[in-house]
Amino acid sequence: MSILIALFPLFLWLSIVGAIIYFIVRKVKRSRKALEERIEVLERNQAVVKDKNEF
């Protein structure tokens, strides 16, 4: 029982660090997805501009 009480702060800090890492990874995934969507839109717009310049 005393071992469990002694390890409680360790588990607490590990869970806090794990939660922080989880939220950072989630935010990075969202940001990357948004950037990929923006890049696709820009590529489409660039293709349209190139097509207009050819005529």
Protein backbone atom coordinates (compact mmCIF):
# COMPACT_ATOMS: atom_id res chain seq x y z
CA MET A 1 0.00 0.00 0.00
CA SER A 2 2.82 2.42 0.83
CA ILE A 3 4.40 1.74 -2.59
CA LEU A 4 1.17 2.82 -4.29
CA ILE A 5 1.07 6.00 -2.22
CA ALA A 6 4.72 6.68 -3.06
CA LEU A 7 4.13 6.19 -6.80
CA PHE A 8 0.98 8.34 -6.93
CA PRO A 9 2.84 11.63 -7.69
CA LEU A 10 4.73 9.88 -10.49
CA PHE A 11 1.50 8.65 -12.07
CA LEU A 12 -0.03 12.09 -11.64
CA TRP A 13 2.83 13.82 -13.46
CA LEU A 14 2.89 11.17 -16.18
CA SER A 15 -0.81 11.65 -16.81
CA ILE A 16 -0.39 15.44 -16.96
CA VAL A 17 2.50 15.14 -19.43
CA GLY A 18 0.54 12.59 -21.46
CA ALA A 19 -2.46 14.91 -21.67
CA ILE A 20 -0.28 17.82 -22.80
CA ILE A 21 1.35 15.69 -25.51
CA TYR A 22 -2.06 14.42 -26.62
CA PHE A 23 -3.44 17.94 -27.07
CA ILE A 24 -0.31 19.12 -28.90
CA VAL A 25 -0.50 16.18 -31.32
CA ARG A 26 -4.20 16.82 -31.90
CA LYS A 27 -3.58 20.49 -32.63
CA VAL A 28 -0.70 19.71 -35.01
CA LYS A 29 -2.85 17.21 -36.91
CA ARG A 30 -5.62 19.80 -37.27
CA SER A 31 -3.17 22.47 -38.41
CA ARG A 32 -1.58 20.15 -40.95
CA LYS A 33 -4.97 19.17 -42.34
CA ALA A 34 -5.96 22.83 -42.70
CA LEU A 35 -2.67 23.63 -44.43
CA GLU A 36 -3.11 20.74 -46.86
CA GLU A 37 -6.58 22.01 -47.73
CA ARG A 38 -5.25 25.53 -48.30
CA ILE A 39 -2.47 24.17 -50.52
CA GLU A 40 -5.01 22.25 -52.60
CA VAL A 41 -7.09 25.40 -53.07
CA LEU A 42 -4.03 27.42 -54.05
CA GLU A 43 -2.93 24.75 -56.52
CA ARG A 44 -6.38 24.73 -58.09
CA ASN A 45 -6.37 28.53 -58.33
CA GLN A 46 -2.91 28.48 -59.87
CA ALA A 47 -4.04 25.93 -62.47
CA VAL A 48 -7.00 28.15 -63.35
CA VAL A 49 -4.73 31.17 -63.73
CA LYS A 50 -2.35 29.20 -65.98
CA ASP A 51 -5.28 28.09 -68.14
CA LYS A 52 -6.46 31.70 -68.49
CA ASN A 53 -2.97 32.88 -69.44
CA GLU A 54 -2.73 30.30 -72.22
CA PHE A 55 -5.69 31.83 -74.06
